[in-house]
């Protein structure tokens, strides 16, 4: 019953980019949760390889606005 969770490369790219931003800005998961108006456990679940929670376009837009970036910056070039 414990099937591995498949995640698309584009989803992993977004997750990795947010983690990189978080660390570069000395933020923790609670800080990202506050920016997105979600619970910290959501961020923990997104960053966990064992959970299906993922960022959506609204999350990306909020993060881009907060960090002064374009939503495109959160996506791979190809």
Protein backbone atom coordinates (compact mmCIF):
# COMPACT_ATOMS: atom_id res chain seq x y z
CA UNK A 1 0.00 0.00 0.00
CA UNK A 2 2.96 2.34 0.43
CA UNK A 3 3.47 3.19 -3.21
CA UNK A 4 6.25 5.67 -4.01
CA UNK A 5 5.03 9.15 -4.72
CA UNK A 6 5.77 10.24 -8.25
CA UNK A 7 6.55 13.88 -8.66
CA UNK A 8 6.97 15.62 -11.97
CA UNK A 9 10.36 17.24 -12.59
CA UNK A 10 8.71 20.66 -12.89
CA UNK A 11 7.12 20.24 -9.44
CA UNK A 12 10.47 19.25 -7.93
CA UNK A 13 12.13 22.25 -9.57
CA UNK A 14 9.61 24.62 -7.92
CA UNK A 15 10.05 22.96 -4.52
CA UNK A 16 13.83 23.09 -4.79
CA UNK A 17 13.73 26.74 -5.88
CA UNK A 18 11.57 27.74 -2.90
CA UNK A 19 13.85 25.84 -0.50
CA UNK A 20 16.86 27.64 -2.02
CA UNK A 21 15.14 31.03 -1.63
CA UNK A 22 14.13 30.20 1.92
CA UNK A 23 17.68 29.30 2.91
CA UNK A 24 19.31 32.23 1.07
CA UNK A 25 17.01 34.59 2.96
CA UNK A 26 17.49 32.86 6.32
CA UNK A 27 13.80 31.97 6.50
CA UNK A 28 12.22 28.91 8.03
CA UNK A 29 9.16 26.94 7.01
CA UNK A 30 6.97 29.04 9.31
CA UNK A 31 8.06 32.20 7.46
CA UNK A 32 7.11 30.71 4.09
CA UNK A 33 3.80 29.55 5.57
CA UNK A 34 3.09 33.11 6.75
CA UNK A 35 3.84 34.52 3.29
CA UNK A 36 1.43 32.01 1.74
CA UNK A 37 -1.16 32.21 4.54
CA UNK A 38 -1.00 28.46 5.11
CA UNK A 39 0.00 26.29 8.05
CA UNK A 40 3.64 25.34 8.58
CA UNK A 41 2.68 21.70 8.23
CA UNK A 42 1.72 22.39 4.61
CA UNK A 43 5.26 23.60 3.90
CA UNK A 44 6.68 20.57 5.70
CA UNK A 45 4.50 18.33 3.55
CA UNK A 46 5.54 20.10 0.35
CA UNK A 47 9.21 19.67 1.20
CA UNK A 48 8.75 16.01 2.16
CA UNK A 49 9.35 13.36 -0.48
CA UNK A 50 6.71 11.23 1.24
CA UNK A 51 3.79 13.62 0.71
CA UNK A 52 1.71 14.71 -2.28
CA UNK A 53 1.30 18.37 -1.21
CA UNK A 54 2.71 20.77 -3.80
CA UNK A 55 2.79 24.50 -4.49
CA UNK A 56 0.17 25.81 -6.88
CA UNK A 57 0.18 28.86 -9.15
CA UNK A 58 -1.32 31.12 -6.49
CA UNK A 59 1.48 30.11 -4.11
CA UNK A 60 4.07 30.85 -6.80
CA UNK A 61 2.51 34.26 -7.49
CA UNK A 62 2.58 35.17 -3.78
CA UNK A 63 6.17 34.04 -3.37
CA UNK A 64 7.27 35.86 -6.52
CA UNK A 65 5.64 39.07 -5.28
CA UNK A 66 7.18 38.72 -1.82
CA UNK A 67 10.71 38.16 -3.16
CA UNK A 68 10.41 40.69 -6.00
CA UNK A 69 10.71 38.00 -8.65
CA UNK A 70 8.73 36.95 -11.68
CA UNK A 71 6.66 33.77 -11.44
CA UNK A 72 8.78 32.60 -14.40
CA UNK A 73 11.79 32.51 -12.10
CA UNK A 74 10.17 29.60 -10.28
CA UNK A 75 10.02 27.48 -13.43
CA UNK A 76 12.74 25.73 -15.44
CA UNK A 77 13.75 27.30 -18.73
CA UNK A 78 12.68 24.18 -20.65
